[in-house]
Amino acid sequence: MTEREIAERLQARILVSTGAQTDGFYAGDFISRVISKAPENSCWLTIMSNVNVAGAAVMGDIRIIVLCEGVEPDPALTEKCRQNDIALLRTDLDTFTACKKL
């Protein structure tokens, strides 16, 4: 699924576009779990919005991050996503509803 298809399903705004595609999904907010459990080349749904999210995405080979519940990203997160070629999206949906739609 492409970042654009994800954005359409979640009525999400694309904050950083990379043309990314994903093979799987992971939802969670504990960084150590995300790094160890998220599938490679996945899309991560979270409510965390600080720069550490980009670091975890790099370590876990995550290509797309979706911020749920209307969370706005820290400017440092947006910049790190750009630098590391990670798509960043934002939706007003809660994580559970977003997962169901995907």
N, C-alpha and C. Protein backbone atom coordinates (compact mmCIF):
# COMPACT_ATOMS: atom_id res chain seq x y z
N MET A 1 0.85 -1.17 0.00
CA MET A 1 0.00 0.00 0.00
C MET A 1 0.90 1.24 0.00
N THR A 2 0.55 2.22 -0.79
CA THR A 2 1.36 3.44 -0.88
C THR A 2 0.97 4.44 0.20
N GLU A 3 1.85 5.41 0.43
CA GLU A 3 1.53 6.46 1.42
C GLU A 3 0.27 7.21 1.01
N ARG A 4 0.05 7.39 -0.27
CA ARG A 4 -1.15 8.10 -0.74
C ARG A 4 -2.42 7.28 -0.48
N GLU A 5 -2.35 5.98 -0.68
CA GLU A 5 -3.50 5.12 -0.40
C GLU A 5 -3.82 5.14 1.10
N ILE A 6 -2.78 5.11 1.92
CA ILE A 6 -2.97 5.19 3.37
C ILE A 6 -3.63 6.52 3.73
N ALA A 7 -3.12 7.61 3.16
CA ALA A 7 -3.67 8.93 3.43
C ALA A 7 -5.15 9.00 3.06
N GLU A 8 -5.51 8.42 1.93
CA GLU A 8 -6.92 8.43 1.50
C GLU A 8 -7.79 7.65 2.47
N ARG A 9 -7.36 6.46 2.85
CA ARG A 9 -8.16 5.63 3.76
C ARG A 9 -8.34 6.27 5.13
N LEU A 10 -7.31 6.99 5.58
CA LEU A 10 -7.34 7.58 6.93
C LEU A 10 -7.72 9.05 6.93
N GLN A 11 -8.05 9.59 5.76
CA GLN A 11 -8.31 11.02 5.64
C GLN A 11 -7.17 11.79 6.31
N ALA A 12 -5.95 11.36 5.99
CA ALA A 12 -4.76 11.91 6.62
C ALA A 12 -4.11 12.96 5.73
N ARG A 13 -3.36 13.82 6.36
CA ARG A 13 -2.57 14.82 5.65
C ARG A 13 -1.15 14.29 5.55
N ILE A 14 -0.57 14.35 4.38
CA ILE A 14 0.82 13.94 4.21
C ILE A 14 1.71 15.13 4.54
N LEU A 15 2.53 14.97 5.58
CA LEU A 15 3.42 16.04 6.02
C LEU A 15 4.79 15.93 5.36
N VAL A 16 5.25 14.71 5.14
CA VAL A 16 6.49 14.44 4.42
C VAL A 16 6.18 13.33 3.43
N SER A 17 6.35 13.62 2.15
CA SER A 17 6.07 12.64 1.11
C SER A 17 7.37 12.08 0.56
N THR A 18 7.42 10.75 0.45
CA THR A 18 8.60 10.09 -0.10
C THR A 18 8.24 9.12 -1.21
N GLY A 19 6.94 8.95 -1.46
CA GLY A 19 6.50 7.95 -2.42
C GLY A 19 6.61 6.54 -1.86
N ALA A 20 6.66 6.42 -0.54
CA ALA A 20 6.88 5.14 0.12
C ALA A 20 5.72 4.18 -0.08
N GLN A 21 6.07 2.90 -0.05
CA GLN A 21 5.10 1.81 -0.04
C GLN A 21 5.41 0.93 1.16
N THR A 22 4.39 0.25 1.65
CA THR A 22 4.58 -0.60 2.82
C THR A 22 4.08 -2.01 2.56
N ASP A 23 4.69 -2.94 3.26
CA ASP A 23 4.30 -4.35 3.19
C ASP A 23 3.53 -4.79 4.43
N GLY A 24 3.50 -3.94 5.47
CA GLY A 24 2.85 -4.33 6.72
C GLY A 24 2.63 -3.13 7.62
N PHE A 25 2.01 -3.39 8.75
CA PHE A 25 1.64 -2.32 9.68
C PHE A 25 1.99 -2.71 11.11
N TYR A 26 2.22 -1.68 11.94
CA TYR A 26 2.44 -1.89 13.36
C TYR A 26 1.88 -0.69 14.10
N ALA A 27 1.19 -0.94 15.20
CA ALA A 27 0.65 0.14 16.02
C ALA A 27 1.20 -0.03 17.43
N GLY A 28 1.74 1.05 17.99
CA GLY A 28 2.25 0.99 19.34
C GLY A 28 3.03 2.24 19.69
N ASP A 29 3.27 2.39 20.98
CA ASP A 29 3.92 3.60 21.47
C ASP A 29 5.16 3.33 22.33
N PHE A 30 5.54 2.08 22.48
CA PHE A 30 6.77 1.76 23.21
C PHE A 30 7.87 1.55 22.18
N ILE A 31 8.82 2.46 22.15
CA ILE A 31 9.83 2.45 21.09
C ILE A 31 10.59 1.14 21.01
N SER A 32 10.96 0.57 22.14
CA SER A 32 11.72 -0.68 22.09
C SER A 32 10.90 -1.80 21.45
N ARG A 33 9.60 -1.82 21.70
CA ARG A 33 8.73 -2.84 21.08
C ARG A 33 8.60 -2.59 19.58
N VAL A 34 8.47 -1.35 19.21
CA VAL A 34 8.33 -1.02 17.79
C VAL A 34 9.59 -1.46 17.03
N ILE A 35 10.75 -1.13 17.56
CA ILE A 35 12.00 -1.49 16.90
C ILE A 35 12.12 -3.00 16.74
N SER A 36 11.72 -3.74 17.77
CA SER A 36 11.91 -5.20 17.72
C SER A 36 10.76 -5.95 17.06
N LYS A 37 9.58 -5.37 16.98
CA LYS A 37 8.41 -6.12 16.50
C LYS A 37 7.83 -5.65 15.16
N ALA A 38 8.05 -4.40 14.79
CA ALA A 38 7.46 -3.91 13.53
C ALA A 38 8.09 -4.63 12.35
N PRO A 39 7.28 -5.06 11.39
CA PRO A 39 7.84 -5.72 10.21
C PRO A 39 8.72 -4.74 9.42
N GLU A 40 9.71 -5.28 8.70
CA GLU A 40 10.51 -4.44 7.82
C GLU A 40 9.61 -3.78 6.79
N ASN A 41 10.00 -2.57 6.40
CA ASN A 41 9.28 -1.83 5.36
C ASN A 41 7.82 -1.60 5.74
N SER A 42 7.58 -1.31 7.02
CA SER A 42 6.21 -1.19 7.51
C SER A 42 5.76 0.24 7.68
N CYS A 43 4.49 0.37 8.03
CA CYS A 43 3.86 1.63 8.40
C CYS A 43 3.56 1.55 9.89
N TRP A 44 3.99 2.56 10.62
CA TRP A 44 3.85 2.60 12.08
C TRP A 44 2.80 3.63 12.46
N LEU A 45 1.80 3.22 13.21
CA LEU A 45 0.78 4.12 13.72
C LEU A 45 1.06 4.39 15.19
N THR A 46 1.12 5.67 15.56
CA THR A 46 1.51 6.06 16.91
C THR A 46 0.91 7.40 17.29
N ILE A 47 0.97 7.72 18.57
CA ILE A 47 0.60 9.06 19.04
C ILE A 47 1.83 9.82 19.51
N MET A 48 2.98 9.17 19.46
CA MET A 48 4.23 9.85 19.86
C MET A 48 4.68 10.76 18.73
N SER A 49 5.19 11.93 19.08
CA SER A 49 5.50 12.90 18.03
C SER A 49 6.85 13.58 18.18
N ASN A 50 7.74 13.01 19.00
CA ASN A 50 9.04 13.64 19.17
C ASN A 50 10.06 13.04 18.21
N VAL A 51 11.24 13.60 18.18
CA VAL A 51 12.27 13.22 17.22
C VAL A 51 12.71 11.76 17.38
N ASN A 52 12.54 11.19 18.55
CA ASN A 52 12.92 9.78 18.76
C ASN A 52 12.12 8.83 17.88
N VAL A 53 10.96 9.24 17.44
CA VAL A 53 10.14 8.42 16.56
C VAL A 53 10.89 8.16 15.25
N ALA A 54 11.53 9.18 14.72
CA ALA A 54 12.30 9.00 13.47
C ALA A 54 13.47 8.05 13.70
N GLY A 55 14.14 8.16 14.83
CA GLY A 55 15.25 7.25 15.14
C GLY A 55 14.78 5.81 15.21
N ALA A 56 13.65 5.60 15.85
CA ALA A 56 13.10 4.24 15.94
C ALA A 56 12.72 3.72 14.56
N ALA A 57 12.17 4.59 13.73
CA ALA A 57 11.79 4.18 12.37
C ALA A 57 13.02 3.76 11.57
N VAL A 58 14.10 4.49 11.71
CA VAL A 58 15.33 4.13 11.01
C VAL A 58 15.83 2.78 11.51
N MET A 59 15.88 2.60 12.82
CA MET A 59 16.37 1.35 13.38
C MET A 59 15.48 0.16 13.03
N GLY A 60 14.17 0.40 12.91
CA GLY A 60 13.23 -0.68 12.62
C GLY A 60 12.90 -0.84 11.15
N ASP A 61 13.57 -0.08 10.29
CA ASP A 61 13.32 -0.11 8.84
C ASP A 61 11.85 0.15 8.53
N ILE A 62 11.31 1.19 9.16
CA ILE A 62 9.93 1.61 8.95
C ILE A 62 9.92 2.73 7.92
N ARG A 63 9.07 2.62 6.92
CA ARG A 63 9.05 3.56 5.80
C ARG A 63 8.01 4.66 5.95
N ILE A 64 6.95 4.41 6.73
CA ILE A 64 5.86 5.37 6.86
C ILE A 64 5.46 5.47 8.33
N ILE A 65 5.30 6.69 8.82
CA ILE A 65 4.81 6.94 10.18
C ILE A 65 3.47 7.68 10.06
N VAL A 66 2.48 7.19 10.79
CA VAL A 66 1.18 7.87 10.85
C VAL A 66 0.96 8.33 12.29
N LEU A 67 0.85 9.63 12.47
CA LEU A 67 0.52 10.19 13.78
C LEU A 67 -1.00 10.23 13.90
N CYS A 68 -1.53 9.60 14.92
CA CYS A 68 -2.98 9.48 15.12
C CYS A 68 -3.48 10.50 16.15
N GLU A 69 -4.78 10.59 16.25
CA GLU A 69 -5.48 11.43 17.23
C GLU A 69 -5.18 12.92 17.07
N GLY A 70 -4.87 13.34 15.84
CA GLY A 70 -4.63 14.75 15.59
C GLY A 70 -3.32 15.28 16.14
N VAL A 71 -2.45 14.38 16.54
CA VAL A 71 -1.16 14.79 17.11
C VAL A 71 -0.34 15.52 16.05
N GLU A 72 0.22 16.65 16.42
CA GLU A 72 1.10 17.41 15.54
C GLU A 72 2.55 17.01 15.84
N PRO A 73 3.37 16.84 14.80
CA PRO A 73 4.75 16.44 15.03
C PRO A 73 5.61 17.58 15.54
N ASP A 74 6.58 17.23 16.35
CA ASP A 74 7.63 18.16 16.72
C ASP A 74 8.35 18.53 15.43
N PRO A 75 8.75 19.79 15.25
CA PRO A 75 9.47 20.16 14.02
C PRO A 75 10.72 19.31 13.77
N ALA A 76 11.38 18.89 14.83
CA ALA A 76 12.58 18.05 14.68
C ALA A 76 12.21 16.69 14.09
N LEU A 77 11.04 16.16 14.42
CA LEU A 77 10.59 14.89 13.85
C LEU A 77 10.37 15.05 12.35
N THR A 78 9.70 16.10 11.96
CA THR A 78 9.44 16.34 10.54
C THR A 78 10.76 16.43 9.77
N GLU A 79 11.70 17.15 10.30
CA GLU A 79 13.00 17.31 9.63
C GLU A 79 13.75 15.98 9.54
N LYS A 80 13.75 15.20 10.62
CA LYS A 80 14.44 13.90 10.60
C LYS A 80 13.78 12.95 9.61
N CYS A 81 12.46 13.01 9.48
CA CYS A 81 11.78 12.17 8.49
C CYS A 81 12.23 12.57 7.09
N ARG A 82 12.31 13.86 6.82
CA ARG A 82 12.81 14.31 5.51
C ARG A 82 14.22 13.80 5.26
N GLN A 83 15.09 13.95 6.25
CA GLN A 83 16.49 13.55 6.11
C GLN A 83 16.66 12.05 5.89
N ASN A 84 15.74 11.27 6.46
CA ASN A 84 15.88 9.81 6.41
C ASN A 84 14.90 9.14 5.43
N ASP A 85 14.24 9.94 4.60
CA ASP A 85 13.35 9.41 3.57
C ASP A 85 12.22 8.56 4.17
N ILE A 86 11.61 9.09 5.22
CA ILE A 86 10.49 8.42 5.88
C ILE A 86 9.24 9.29 5.68
N ALA A 87 8.20 8.70 5.14
CA ALA A 87 6.95 9.43 4.95
C ALA A 87 6.30 9.68 6.32
N LEU A 88 5.72 10.86 6.48
CA LEU A 88 5.06 11.23 7.74
C LEU A 88 3.66 11.73 7.43
N LEU A 89 2.68 11.08 8.05
CA LEU A 89 1.28 11.44 7.86
C LEU A 89 0.64 11.77 9.20
N ARG A 90 -0.48 12.50 9.15
CA ARG A 90 -1.21 12.87 10.36
C ARG A 90 -2.70 12.68 10.12
N THR A 91 -3.36 11.97 11.04
CA THR A 91 -4.80 11.76 10.95
C THR A 91 -5.47 12.13 12.27
N ASP A 92 -6.71 12.53 12.18
CA ASP A 92 -7.48 12.82 13.39
C ASP A 92 -8.07 11.55 14.01
N LEU A 93 -8.02 10.44 13.28
CA LEU A 93 -8.57 9.19 13.78
C LEU A 93 -7.76 8.66 14.96
N ASP A 94 -8.43 7.97 15.88
CA ASP A 94 -7.70 7.29 16.94
C ASP A 94 -7.01 6.07 16.34
N THR A 95 -6.04 5.54 17.03
CA THR A 95 -5.22 4.45 16.51
C THR A 95 -6.06 3.22 16.16
N PHE A 96 -7.00 2.86 17.01
CA PHE A 96 -7.83 1.68 16.77
C PHE A 96 -8.63 1.83 15.48
N THR A 97 -9.27 2.97 15.31
CA THR A 97 -10.07 3.21 14.11
C THR A 97 -9.19 3.23 12.86
N ALA A 98 -8.02 3.84 12.98
CA ALA A 98 -7.09 3.89 11.85
C ALA A 98 -6.68 2.48 11.45
N CYS A 99 -6.38 1.65 12.42
CA CYS A 99 -6.01 0.25 12.13
C CYS A 99 -7.13 -0.47 11.42
N LYS A 100 -8.36 -0.28 11.87
CA LYS A 100 -9.50 -0.95 11.22
C LYS A 100 -9.63 -0.52 9.76
N LYS A 101 -9.40 0.75 9.48
CA LYS A 101 -9.55 1.26 8.13
C LYS A 101 -8.43 0.75 7.20
N LEU A 102 -7.32 0.40 7.77
CA LEU A 102 -6.21 -0.11 6.96
C LEU A 102 -6.31 -1.60 6.76
